[in-house]
């Protein structure tokens, strides 16, 4: 799954686009994220509902996401300030959705 994050010059004009094929979340970030959210809130959600849920998580825990975006895309802090939250949510949801799926598979093997 390709993950994309755009940096904007203004509301409509894209200055730069970062693309990666995949990203494996690190344990430390997952630990921070699990402290910040109730994973059951996202269970069974997909599409726009999942993205809205992720956007709410981002807004409540904004400080933990720049280091992740930097690690994922190599984006600078100044560029990060010119990304759109909804697009950041989509990129993180792609990576988070994969990780949640991995957790679910591990749990079902018990």
Protein backbone atom coordinates (compact mmCIF):
# COMPACT_ATOMS: atom_id res chain seq x y z
CA UNK A 1 0.00 0.00 0.00
CA UNK A 2 1.50 3.33 -1.04
CA UNK A 3 1.41 6.03 1.64
CA UNK A 4 1.50 9.67 0.51
CA UNK A 5 2.01 12.93 2.37
CA UNK A 6 1.84 16.28 0.58
CA UNK A 7 3.50 19.54 1.62
CA UNK A 8 1.62 22.64 0.51
CA UNK A 9 2.74 26.13 -0.51
CA UNK A 10 -0.79 27.32 0.26
CA UNK A 11 -4.22 25.72 0.67
CA UNK A 12 -4.34 24.40 -2.89
CA UNK A 13 -0.83 24.33 -4.34
CA UNK A 14 1.30 21.26 -3.60
CA UNK A 15 4.99 22.05 -3.16
CA UNK A 16 6.28 18.54 -2.53
CA UNK A 17 4.93 15.02 -2.26
CA UNK A 18 6.45 12.27 -0.15
CA UNK A 19 5.64 8.66 -1.06
CA UNK A 20 6.58 5.40 0.62
CA UNK A 21 5.53 1.85 -0.18
CA UNK A 22 4.96 0.78 3.41
CA UNK A 23 5.95 1.53 6.97
CA UNK A 24 6.18 -0.74 10.00
CA UNK A 25 5.26 1.07 13.18
CA UNK A 26 7.86 0.83 15.91
CA UNK A 27 6.96 -0.61 19.30
CA UNK A 28 7.62 2.68 21.14
CA UNK A 29 5.15 4.58 18.98
CA UNK A 30 2.53 1.84 19.34
CA UNK A 31 2.99 1.99 23.12
CA UNK A 32 2.51 5.79 23.11
CA UNK A 33 -0.50 5.46 20.84
CA UNK A 34 -2.13 2.76 22.94
CA UNK A 35 -1.78 5.02 25.98
CA UNK A 36 -3.49 7.78 24.03
CA UNK A 37 -6.46 5.88 22.57
CA UNK A 38 -8.98 3.21 23.28
CA UNK A 39 -8.36 0.79 20.39
CA UNK A 40 -11.96 -0.44 20.66
CA UNK A 41 -13.09 2.97 19.35
CA UNK A 42 -11.61 2.09 15.95
CA UNK A 43 -12.65 -1.55 15.79
CA UNK A 44 -14.96 -2.31 12.91
CA UNK A 45 -14.54 1.11 11.33
CA UNK A 46 -13.44 1.55 7.76
CA UNK A 47 -13.26 4.23 5.10
CA UNK A 48 -14.29 7.70 6.23
CA UNK A 49 -15.28 6.50 9.71
CA UNK A 50 -11.78 5.15 10.27
CA UNK A 51 -10.19 8.35 8.95
CA UNK A 52 -12.41 10.49 11.18
CA UNK A 53 -11.44 8.35 14.17
CA UNK A 54 -7.75 8.69 13.34
CA UNK A 55 -8.15 12.46 12.84
CA UNK A 56 -9.66 12.73 16.34
CA UNK A 57 -6.74 10.78 17.78
CA UNK A 58 -4.28 13.07 15.99
CA UNK A 59 -5.98 16.21 17.28
CA UNK A 60 -5.91 14.98 20.88
CA UNK A 61 -2.31 13.71 20.75
CA UNK A 62 -0.72 15.96 18.17
CA UNK A 63 2.75 16.01 19.75
CA UNK A 64 3.49 12.34 19.14
CA UNK A 65 2.82 12.50 15.40
CA UNK A 66 5.59 14.75 14.07
CA UNK A 67 8.36 12.29 15.07
CA UNK A 68 6.42 9.52 13.33
CA UNK A 69 5.82 11.58 10.17
CA UNK A 70 9.51 12.48 10.14
CA UNK A 71 10.53 8.84 10.49
CA UNK A 72 8.03 7.66 7.88
CA UNK A 73 8.61 10.30 5.21
CA UNK A 74 11.78 12.19 6.18
CA UNK A 75 9.69 15.35 6.39
CA UNK A 76 11.11 18.39 8.20
CA UNK A 77 9.26 20.14 11.02
CA UNK A 78 8.72 23.21 8.81
CA UNK A 79 7.25 21.01 6.04
CA UNK A 80 5.12 19.16 8.60
CA UNK A 81 3.49 22.46 9.52
CA UNK A 82 2.34 22.76 5.89
CA UNK A 83 0.64 19.37 5.63
CA UNK A 84 -3.09 18.86 5.88
CA UNK A 85 -4.33 16.99 8.92
CA UNK A 86 -6.79 14.94 6.86
CA UNK A 87 -3.97 13.74 4.58
CA UNK A 88 -1.73 12.98 7.55
CA UNK A 89 -4.62 10.98 9.01
CA UNK A 90 -4.97 8.96 5.80
CA UNK A 91 -1.24 8.15 5.74
CA UNK A 92 -1.20 7.19 9.42
CA UNK A 93 -4.43 5.23 9.09
CA UNK A 94 -2.84 3.15 6.34
CA UNK A 95 0.08 2.25 8.56
CA UNK A 96 -2.04 1.95 11.70
CA UNK A 97 -4.66 -0.18 9.95
CA UNK A 98 -1.97 -2.64 8.91
CA UNK A 99 -0.62 -2.77 12.47
CA UNK A 100 -4.08 -3.25 13.99
CA UNK A 101 -4.62 -6.10 11.55
CA UNK A 102 -1.37 -7.66 12.71
CA UNK A 103 -2.47 -7.38 16.36
CA UNK A 104 -5.85 -8.90 15.52
CA UNK A 105 -4.19 -11.87 13.79
CA UNK A 106 -1.92 -12.42 16.77
CA UNK A 107 -4.90 -12.26 19.13
CA UNK A 108 -6.90 -14.74 17.03
CA UNK A 109 -4.05 -17.28 17.16
CA UNK A 110 -4.31 -17.56 20.97
